[in-house]
């Protein structure tokens, strides 16, 4: 799952049924799964209910037992959405939350990912893993771009 948040610009009304409306937000998840399986396997898993990809807004009220749950782009989840997601965890389940606090597209004070680090730090069974530009698995220029932005942002603070 992931929050349905645009990166900077609002796209407005989208035509179609619910799944057609949320497709653009969920597409990066589809791409990532297809990268490690294949389009046919991905479609088969979705049809059989092995993989379910839903917008974060539709998680309320669910209990996810026997599941491996991923919340992607969590920096764009609000405090309330993060709390709601974390409390969906059922028996025999694991949750992975990914996000980049340098790429928040909502008001930064509202990012639930930033808050949850403070709230959940030190709770047994919860771990935080921090990555940097050395962990990038994209085009080699991306590491240099990230480093340049970090240096620029650091210089603006001084």
N, C-alpha and C. Protein backbone atom coordinates (compact mmCIF):
# COMPACT_ATOMS: atom_id res chain seq x y z
N UNK A 1 0.84 -1.18 0.00
CA UNK A 1 0.00 0.00 0.00
C UNK A 1 0.88 1.23 0.00
N UNK A 2 0.29 2.34 -0.34
CA UNK A 2 1.02 3.61 -0.29
C UNK A 2 0.01 4.75 -0.28
N UNK A 3 0.41 5.91 0.25
CA UNK A 3 -0.48 7.06 0.23
C UNK A 3 -0.67 7.56 -1.20
N UNK A 4 -1.85 8.05 -1.50
CA UNK A 4 -2.14 8.60 -2.83
C UNK A 4 -1.82 10.09 -2.81
N UNK A 5 -0.53 10.40 -2.93
CA UNK A 5 -0.06 11.78 -2.87
C UNK A 5 0.76 12.07 -4.11
N UNK A 6 0.45 13.20 -4.77
CA UNK A 6 1.23 13.60 -5.94
C UNK A 6 2.53 14.26 -5.49
N UNK A 7 3.52 14.22 -6.35
CA UNK A 7 4.81 14.85 -6.06
C UNK A 7 4.79 16.30 -6.53
N UNK A 8 4.25 17.17 -5.69
CA UNK A 8 4.30 18.60 -5.98
C UNK A 8 3.12 19.19 -6.71
N UNK A 9 2.64 18.55 -7.76
CA UNK A 9 1.55 19.13 -8.53
C UNK A 9 0.29 18.30 -8.36
N UNK A 10 -0.85 18.97 -8.33
CA UNK A 10 -2.12 18.27 -8.19
C UNK A 10 -2.65 17.92 -9.58
N UNK A 11 -3.05 16.66 -9.75
CA UNK A 11 -3.52 16.21 -11.05
C UNK A 11 -5.02 16.40 -11.23
N UNK A 12 -5.73 16.65 -10.13
CA UNK A 12 -7.17 16.88 -10.23
C UNK A 12 -7.95 15.61 -10.48
N UNK A 13 -9.14 15.78 -11.02
CA UNK A 13 -10.06 14.68 -11.27
C UNK A 13 -9.47 13.68 -12.25
N UNK A 14 -9.58 12.41 -11.91
CA UNK A 14 -9.16 11.34 -12.83
C UNK A 14 -10.39 10.53 -13.21
N UNK A 15 -10.56 10.24 -14.49
CA UNK A 15 -11.73 9.47 -14.93
C UNK A 15 -11.59 8.00 -14.54
N UNK A 16 -12.71 7.28 -14.58
CA UNK A 16 -12.68 5.83 -14.40
C UNK A 16 -13.19 5.38 -13.05
N UNK A 17 -13.14 4.03 -12.87
CA UNK A 17 -13.57 3.45 -11.61
C UNK A 17 -12.46 3.61 -10.57
N UNK A 18 -12.69 3.11 -9.36
CA UNK A 18 -11.75 3.30 -8.27
C UNK A 18 -10.35 2.83 -8.63
N UNK A 19 -10.21 1.62 -9.17
CA UNK A 19 -8.88 1.10 -9.47
C UNK A 19 -8.19 1.92 -10.56
N UNK A 20 -8.95 2.42 -11.52
CA UNK A 20 -8.35 3.27 -12.56
C UNK A 20 -7.87 4.60 -11.97
N UNK A 21 -8.58 5.10 -10.96
CA UNK A 21 -8.19 6.36 -10.33
C UNK A 21 -6.90 6.22 -9.51
N UNK A 22 -6.74 5.08 -8.83
CA UNK A 22 -5.57 4.92 -7.97
C UNK A 22 -4.39 4.28 -8.69
N UNK A 23 -4.62 3.75 -9.88
CA UNK A 23 -3.55 3.10 -10.66
C UNK A 23 -2.26 3.94 -10.74
N UNK A 24 -2.33 5.24 -11.06
CA UNK A 24 -1.07 6.00 -11.16
C UNK A 24 -0.27 6.03 -9.86
N UNK A 25 -0.97 6.02 -8.72
CA UNK A 25 -0.29 6.05 -7.43
C UNK A 25 0.35 4.70 -7.10
N UNK A 26 -0.27 3.63 -7.55
CA UNK A 26 0.19 2.29 -7.22
C UNK A 26 1.16 1.72 -8.25
N UNK A 27 1.27 2.37 -9.39
CA UNK A 27 2.11 1.87 -10.48
C UNK A 27 3.55 1.56 -10.06
N UNK A 28 4.19 2.40 -9.23
CA UNK A 28 5.55 2.07 -8.81
C UNK A 28 5.64 0.73 -8.06
N UNK A 29 4.60 0.38 -7.32
CA UNK A 29 4.59 -0.93 -6.65
C UNK A 29 4.49 -2.05 -7.67
N UNK A 30 3.63 -1.88 -8.66
CA UNK A 30 3.51 -2.89 -9.72
C UNK A 30 4.87 -3.08 -10.39
N UNK A 31 5.52 -1.96 -10.73
CA UNK A 31 6.81 -2.03 -11.42
C UNK A 31 7.84 -2.79 -10.59
N UNK A 32 7.90 -2.51 -9.29
CA UNK A 32 8.88 -3.17 -8.42
C UNK A 32 8.64 -4.67 -8.35
N UNK A 33 7.38 -5.07 -8.25
CA UNK A 33 7.08 -6.50 -8.17
C UNK A 33 7.37 -7.18 -9.50
N UNK A 34 7.02 -6.54 -10.59
CA UNK A 34 7.30 -7.10 -11.92
C UNK A 34 8.81 -7.24 -12.13
N UNK A 35 9.60 -6.31 -11.59
CA UNK A 35 11.06 -6.39 -11.71
C UNK A 35 11.62 -7.67 -11.07
N UNK A 36 10.97 -8.15 -10.00
CA UNK A 36 11.50 -9.35 -9.33
C UNK A 36 10.74 -10.62 -9.70
N UNK A 37 9.65 -10.49 -10.43
CA UNK A 37 8.92 -11.69 -10.90
C UNK A 37 8.85 -11.61 -12.42
N UNK A 38 7.68 -11.39 -12.92
CA UNK A 38 7.44 -11.16 -14.35
C UNK A 38 6.02 -10.62 -14.45
N UNK A 39 5.67 -9.99 -15.57
CA UNK A 39 4.30 -9.49 -15.70
C UNK A 39 3.26 -10.60 -15.55
N UNK A 40 3.53 -11.76 -16.12
CA UNK A 40 2.56 -12.87 -16.03
C UNK A 40 2.39 -13.36 -14.60
N UNK A 41 3.51 -13.54 -13.88
CA UNK A 41 3.42 -13.99 -12.49
C UNK A 41 2.71 -12.95 -11.64
N UNK A 42 3.05 -11.68 -11.85
CA UNK A 42 2.41 -10.62 -11.08
C UNK A 42 0.90 -10.64 -11.29
N UNK A 43 0.47 -10.72 -12.54
CA UNK A 43 -0.97 -10.76 -12.83
C UNK A 43 -1.62 -11.99 -12.23
N UNK A 44 -0.94 -13.12 -12.29
CA UNK A 44 -1.47 -14.36 -11.71
C UNK A 44 -1.61 -14.22 -10.19
N UNK A 45 -0.59 -13.67 -9.55
CA UNK A 45 -0.64 -13.48 -8.09
C UNK A 45 -1.77 -12.54 -7.70
N UNK A 46 -1.98 -11.49 -8.46
CA UNK A 46 -3.07 -10.56 -8.17
C UNK A 46 -4.43 -11.22 -8.36
N UNK A 47 -4.58 -11.96 -9.46
CA UNK A 47 -5.86 -12.63 -9.73
C UNK A 47 -6.20 -13.64 -8.65
N UNK A 48 -5.18 -14.32 -8.11
CA UNK A 48 -5.40 -15.35 -7.09
C UNK A 48 -5.43 -14.78 -5.68
N UNK A 49 -5.23 -13.47 -5.53
CA UNK A 49 -5.27 -12.83 -4.22
C UNK A 49 -4.02 -13.04 -3.39
N UNK A 50 -2.95 -13.53 -4.00
CA UNK A 50 -1.69 -13.71 -3.28
C UNK A 50 -1.06 -12.35 -3.03
N UNK A 51 -1.14 -11.47 -4.03
CA UNK A 51 -0.68 -10.10 -3.89
C UNK A 51 -1.91 -9.20 -4.00
N UNK A 52 -2.02 -8.30 -3.03
CA UNK A 52 -3.10 -7.31 -3.05
C UNK A 52 -2.45 -5.94 -2.88
N UNK A 53 -2.72 -5.05 -3.78
CA UNK A 53 -2.18 -3.70 -3.70
C UNK A 53 -3.36 -2.75 -3.60
N UNK A 54 -3.40 -2.02 -2.47
CA UNK A 54 -4.53 -1.12 -2.22
C UNK A 54 -4.02 0.23 -1.72
N UNK A 55 -4.78 1.29 -1.97
CA UNK A 55 -4.41 2.60 -1.43
C UNK A 55 -4.49 2.58 0.10
N UNK A 56 -3.63 3.32 0.73
CA UNK A 56 -3.61 3.39 2.18
C UNK A 56 -4.96 3.81 2.75
N UNK A 57 -5.66 4.67 2.05
CA UNK A 57 -6.96 5.17 2.53
C UNK A 57 -7.98 4.05 2.74
N UNK A 58 -7.79 2.90 2.10
CA UNK A 58 -8.76 1.81 2.20
C UNK A 58 -8.32 0.70 3.15
N UNK A 59 -7.37 0.99 4.03
CA UNK A 59 -6.89 -0.01 4.98
C UNK A 59 -7.68 -0.01 6.28
N UNK A 60 -8.38 1.07 6.58
CA UNK A 60 -9.10 1.17 7.85
C UNK A 60 -10.04 -0.01 8.03
N UNK A 61 -10.08 -0.54 9.25
CA UNK A 61 -10.99 -1.62 9.59
C UNK A 61 -10.47 -3.01 9.29
N UNK A 62 -9.35 -3.11 8.61
CA UNK A 62 -8.81 -4.42 8.25
C UNK A 62 -7.87 -4.92 9.33
N UNK A 63 -7.79 -6.23 9.46
CA UNK A 63 -6.77 -6.90 10.26
C UNK A 63 -6.07 -7.85 9.31
N UNK A 64 -4.78 -7.69 9.15
CA UNK A 64 -4.04 -8.46 8.16
C UNK A 64 -3.25 -9.57 8.85
N UNK A 65 -3.89 -10.74 8.94
CA UNK A 65 -3.25 -11.93 9.51
C UNK A 65 -2.48 -12.67 8.42
N UNK A 66 -1.43 -13.39 8.84
CA UNK A 66 -0.65 -14.23 7.91
C UNK A 66 -0.25 -13.45 6.66
N UNK A 67 0.26 -12.26 6.87
CA UNK A 67 0.55 -11.36 5.75
C UNK A 67 1.94 -10.76 5.86
N UNK A 68 2.47 -10.40 4.71
CA UNK A 68 3.68 -9.59 4.61
C UNK A 68 3.23 -8.28 3.99
N UNK A 69 3.29 -7.22 4.76
CA UNK A 69 2.67 -5.95 4.37
C UNK A 69 3.76 -4.90 4.15
N UNK A 70 3.65 -4.18 3.05
CA UNK A 70 4.62 -3.12 2.75
C UNK A 70 3.86 -1.80 2.62
N UNK A 71 4.31 -0.81 3.36
CA UNK A 71 3.83 0.56 3.18
C UNK A 71 4.96 1.31 2.51
N UNK A 72 4.75 1.70 1.27
CA UNK A 72 5.77 2.38 0.47
C UNK A 72 5.51 3.88 0.50
N UNK A 73 6.56 4.66 0.36
CA UNK A 73 6.47 6.13 0.34
C UNK A 73 5.81 6.66 1.62
N UNK A 74 6.17 6.07 2.75
CA UNK A 74 5.54 6.40 4.03
C UNK A 74 5.81 7.83 4.48
N UNK A 75 6.79 8.48 3.89
CA UNK A 75 7.02 9.88 4.25
C UNK A 75 5.81 10.74 3.90
N UNK A 76 4.94 10.25 3.03
CA UNK A 76 3.75 10.99 2.63
C UNK A 76 2.49 10.53 3.36
N UNK A 77 2.65 9.67 4.34
CA UNK A 77 1.53 9.27 5.19
C UNK A 77 1.46 10.24 6.37
N UNK A 78 0.26 10.65 6.72
CA UNK A 78 0.11 11.54 7.87
C UNK A 78 0.27 10.74 9.16
N UNK A 79 0.33 11.45 10.26
CA UNK A 79 0.40 10.83 11.58
C UNK A 79 -0.76 9.84 11.75
N UNK A 80 -1.98 10.28 11.41
CA UNK A 80 -3.16 9.44 11.57
C UNK A 80 -3.10 8.22 10.65
N UNK A 81 -2.66 8.39 9.42
CA UNK A 81 -2.54 7.26 8.49
C UNK A 81 -1.50 6.26 8.97
N UNK A 82 -0.39 6.75 9.48
CA UNK A 82 0.67 5.87 9.97
C UNK A 82 0.16 5.05 11.15
N UNK A 83 -0.52 5.69 12.08
CA UNK A 83 -1.08 4.97 13.23
C UNK A 83 -2.09 3.93 12.77
N UNK A 84 -2.95 4.31 11.84
CA UNK A 84 -3.95 3.38 11.30
C UNK A 84 -3.26 2.19 10.65
N UNK A 85 -2.25 2.43 9.82
CA UNK A 85 -1.55 1.34 9.14
C UNK A 85 -0.89 0.41 10.15
N UNK A 86 -0.17 0.96 11.09
CA UNK A 86 0.56 0.14 12.06
C UNK A 86 -0.36 -0.72 12.91
N UNK A 87 -1.57 -0.27 13.11
CA UNK A 87 -2.51 -1.04 13.94
C UNK A 87 -3.34 -2.03 13.13
N UNK A 88 -3.03 -2.21 11.85
CA UNK A 88 -3.68 -3.25 11.02
C UNK A 88 -2.97 -4.59 11.15
N UNK A 89 -1.79 -4.60 11.72
CA UNK A 89 -0.96 -5.80 11.80
C UNK A 89 -1.66 -6.89 12.60
N UNK A 90 -1.85 -8.05 11.96
CA UNK A 90 -2.49 -9.18 12.60
C UNK A 90 -1.48 -10.24 13.01
N UNK A 91 -2.00 -11.39 13.44
CA UNK A 91 -1.15 -12.49 13.89
C UNK A 91 -0.33 -13.05 12.73
N UNK A 92 0.89 -13.47 13.05
CA UNK A 92 1.78 -14.11 12.08
C UNK A 92 2.04 -13.22 10.86
N UNK A 93 2.13 -11.92 11.09
CA UNK A 93 2.36 -10.96 10.00
C UNK A 93 3.60 -10.13 10.28
N UNK A 94 4.15 -9.58 9.22
CA UNK A 94 5.28 -8.66 9.31
C UNK A 94 4.95 -7.44 8.46
N UNK A 95 5.43 -6.29 8.91
CA UNK A 95 5.23 -5.06 8.14
C UNK A 95 6.58 -4.42 7.87
N UNK A 96 6.73 -3.95 6.66
CA UNK A 96 7.91 -3.18 6.25
C UNK A 96 7.40 -1.82 5.81
N UNK A 97 8.03 -0.79 6.33
CA UNK A 97 7.65 0.58 5.98
C UNK A 97 8.85 1.23 5.33
N UNK A 98 8.66 1.75 4.12
CA UNK A 98 9.75 2.43 3.43
C UNK A 98 9.39 3.89 3.23
N UNK A 99 10.39 4.72 3.25
CA UNK A 99 10.15 6.13 3.01
C UNK A 99 11.45 6.91 3.04
N UNK A 100 11.40 8.08 2.50
CA UNK A 100 12.58 8.95 2.44
C UNK A 100 12.17 10.31 2.98
N UNK A 101 12.64 10.64 4.17
CA UNK A 101 12.22 11.90 4.80
C UNK A 101 12.81 13.13 4.11
N UNK A 102 13.64 12.91 3.09
CA UNK A 102 14.11 14.05 2.29
C UNK A 102 13.22 14.28 1.07
N UNK A 103 12.18 13.44 0.91
CA UNK A 103 11.28 13.57 -0.24
C UNK A 103 9.81 13.62 0.19
N UNK A 104 9.52 14.43 1.19
CA UNK A 104 8.16 14.56 1.71
C UNK A 104 7.36 15.49 0.80
N UNK A 105 6.21 15.01 0.31
CA UNK A 105 5.36 15.80 -0.59
C UNK A 105 4.16 16.42 0.11
N UNK A 106 4.01 16.15 1.41
CA UNK A 106 2.97 16.80 2.20
C UNK A 106 3.69 17.80 3.10
N UNK A 107 2.94 18.56 3.90
CA UNK A 107 3.60 19.47 4.84
C UNK A 107 4.46 18.62 5.77
N UNK A 108 5.73 18.97 5.88
CA UNK A 108 6.69 18.11 6.59
C UNK A 108 6.27 17.84 8.03
N UNK A 109 5.60 18.80 8.67
CA UNK A 109 5.15 18.61 10.05
C UNK A 109 4.08 17.52 10.15
N UNK A 110 3.44 17.19 9.03
CA UNK A 110 2.37 16.20 9.04
C UNK A 110 2.85 14.79 8.70
N UNK A 111 4.15 14.63 8.40
CA UNK A 111 4.65 13.31 8.01
C UNK A 111 4.64 12.35 9.19
N UNK A 112 3.84 11.31 9.07
CA UNK A 112 3.77 10.30 10.11
C UNK A 112 5.03 9.47 10.23
N UNK A 113 5.81 9.39 9.17
CA UNK A 113 7.06 8.63 9.22
C UNK A 113 8.05 9.31 10.16
N UNK A 114 8.13 10.61 10.09
CA UNK A 114 9.03 11.35 10.97
C UNK A 114 8.61 11.16 12.42
N UNK A 115 7.31 11.29 12.69
CA UNK A 115 6.80 11.14 14.05
C UNK A 115 6.96 9.72 14.58
N UNK A 116 6.68 8.72 13.76
CA UNK A 116 6.69 7.34 14.27
C UNK A 116 8.09 6.92 14.71
N UNK A 117 9.13 7.51 14.14
CA UNK A 117 10.48 7.19 14.59
C UNK A 117 10.67 7.59 16.05
N UNK A 118 10.09 8.71 16.43
CA UNK A 118 10.19 9.18 17.82
C UNK A 118 9.31 8.33 18.73
N UNK A 119 8.12 8.02 18.28
CA UNK A 119 7.14 7.30 19.09
C UNK A 119 7.54 5.85 19.33
N UNK A 120 8.05 5.18 18.30
CA UNK A 120 8.28 3.73 18.37
C UNK A 120 9.71 3.33 18.68
N UNK A 121 10.61 4.29 18.72
CA UNK A 121 12.02 3.99 18.99
C UNK A 121 12.15 3.25 20.32
N UNK A 122 12.89 2.15 20.29
CA UNK A 122 13.15 1.40 21.52
C UNK A 122 12.14 0.31 21.84
N UNK A 123 11.09 0.18 21.05
CA UNK A 123 10.11 -0.89 21.29
C UNK A 123 10.67 -2.19 20.72
N UNK A 124 10.77 -3.24 21.56
CA UNK A 124 11.28 -4.52 21.06
C UNK A 124 10.42 -5.04 19.90
N UNK A 125 11.09 -5.54 18.85
CA UNK A 125 10.38 -6.04 17.68
C UNK A 125 10.22 -5.01 16.58
N UNK A 126 10.60 -3.77 16.87
CA UNK A 126 10.54 -2.70 15.86
C UNK A 126 11.95 -2.21 15.62
N UNK A 127 12.36 -2.21 14.38
CA UNK A 127 13.70 -1.76 14.00
C UNK A 127 13.60 -0.67 12.93
N UNK A 128 14.53 0.24 12.96
CA UNK A 128 14.66 1.26 11.94
C UNK A 128 15.98 1.05 11.22
N UNK A 129 15.96 1.07 9.91
CA UNK A 129 17.16 0.93 9.09
C UNK A 129 17.27 2.19 8.25
N UNK A 130 18.43 2.81 8.29
CA UNK A 130 18.63 4.06 7.56
C UNK A 130 19.61 3.81 6.42
N UNK A 131 19.24 4.26 5.23
CA UNK A 131 20.07 4.10 4.05
C UNK A 131 20.60 5.46 3.61
N UNK A 132 21.68 5.45 2.85
CA UNK A 132 22.20 6.69 2.30
C UNK A 132 22.52 6.49 0.82
N UNK A 133 23.21 7.46 0.23
CA UNK A 133 23.44 7.38 -1.22
C UNK A 133 24.23 6.15 -1.63
N UNK A 134 25.00 5.55 -0.72
CA UNK A 134 25.76 4.35 -1.08
C UNK A 134 24.86 3.14 -1.30
N UNK A 135 23.62 3.23 -0.87
CA UNK A 135 22.67 2.13 -1.04
C UNK A 135 21.83 2.24 -2.31
N UNK A 136 22.03 3.28 -3.09
CA UNK A 136 21.24 3.51 -4.30
C UNK A 136 21.52 2.42 -5.33
N UNK A 137 20.46 1.86 -5.90
CA UNK A 137 20.59 0.83 -6.94
C UNK A 137 19.93 1.32 -8.24
N UNK A 138 20.26 2.54 -8.59
CA UNK A 138 19.79 3.15 -9.83
C UNK A 138 21.01 3.57 -10.64
N UNK A 139 20.79 4.36 -11.64
CA UNK A 139 21.87 4.89 -12.47
C UNK A 139 22.96 5.49 -11.57
N UNK A 140 24.24 5.28 -11.89
CA UNK A 140 25.33 5.80 -11.05
C UNK A 140 25.26 7.31 -10.79
N UNK A 141 24.68 8.06 -11.69
CA UNK A 141 24.55 9.51 -11.47
C UNK A 141 23.64 9.83 -10.29
N UNK A 142 22.70 8.95 -9.97
CA UNK A 142 21.75 9.22 -8.89
C UNK A 142 22.49 9.43 -7.57
N UNK A 143 23.52 8.64 -7.29
CA UNK A 143 24.31 8.82 -6.06
C UNK A 143 24.91 10.22 -6.01
N UNK A 144 25.43 10.67 -7.13
CA UNK A 144 26.04 12.00 -7.18
C UNK A 144 24.98 13.09 -7.02
N UNK A 145 23.82 12.86 -7.59
CA UNK A 145 22.72 13.83 -7.47
C UNK A 145 22.28 13.94 -6.02
N UNK A 146 22.11 12.80 -5.36
CA UNK A 146 21.70 12.81 -3.95
C UNK A 146 22.73 13.54 -3.10
N UNK A 147 23.99 13.22 -3.31
CA UNK A 147 25.08 13.86 -2.56
C UNK A 147 25.07 15.37 -2.79
N UNK A 148 24.90 15.80 -4.04
CA UNK A 148 24.87 17.23 -4.35
C UNK A 148 23.72 17.93 -3.64
N UNK A 149 22.54 17.31 -3.64
CA UNK A 149 21.39 17.90 -2.94
C UNK A 149 21.64 17.97 -1.44
N UNK A 150 22.22 16.92 -0.86
CA UNK A 150 22.51 16.93 0.58
C UNK A 150 23.47 18.06 0.93
N UNK A 151 24.52 18.22 0.14
CA UNK A 151 25.50 19.29 0.38
C UNK A 151 24.85 20.66 0.24
N UNK A 152 24.02 20.82 -0.78
CA UNK A 152 23.33 22.10 -0.99
C UNK A 152 22.41 22.42 0.19
N UNK A 153 21.64 21.43 0.62
CA UNK A 153 20.72 21.65 1.73
C UNK A 153 21.47 21.93 3.03
N UNK A 154 22.60 21.27 3.24
CA UNK A 154 23.42 21.53 4.43
C UNK A 154 23.95 22.96 4.40
N UNK A 155 24.39 23.42 3.23
CA UNK A 155 24.95 24.78 3.11
C UNK A 155 23.88 25.84 3.34
N UNK A 156 22.64 25.54 3.02
CA UNK A 156 21.54 26.50 3.22
C UNK A 156 21.20 26.67 4.69
N UNK A 157 21.50 25.64 5.50
CA UNK A 157 21.18 25.70 6.93
C UNK A 157 22.20 26.52 7.71
N UNK A 158 23.39 26.68 7.14
CA UNK A 158 24.44 27.42 7.88
C UNK A 158 24.50 28.86 7.50
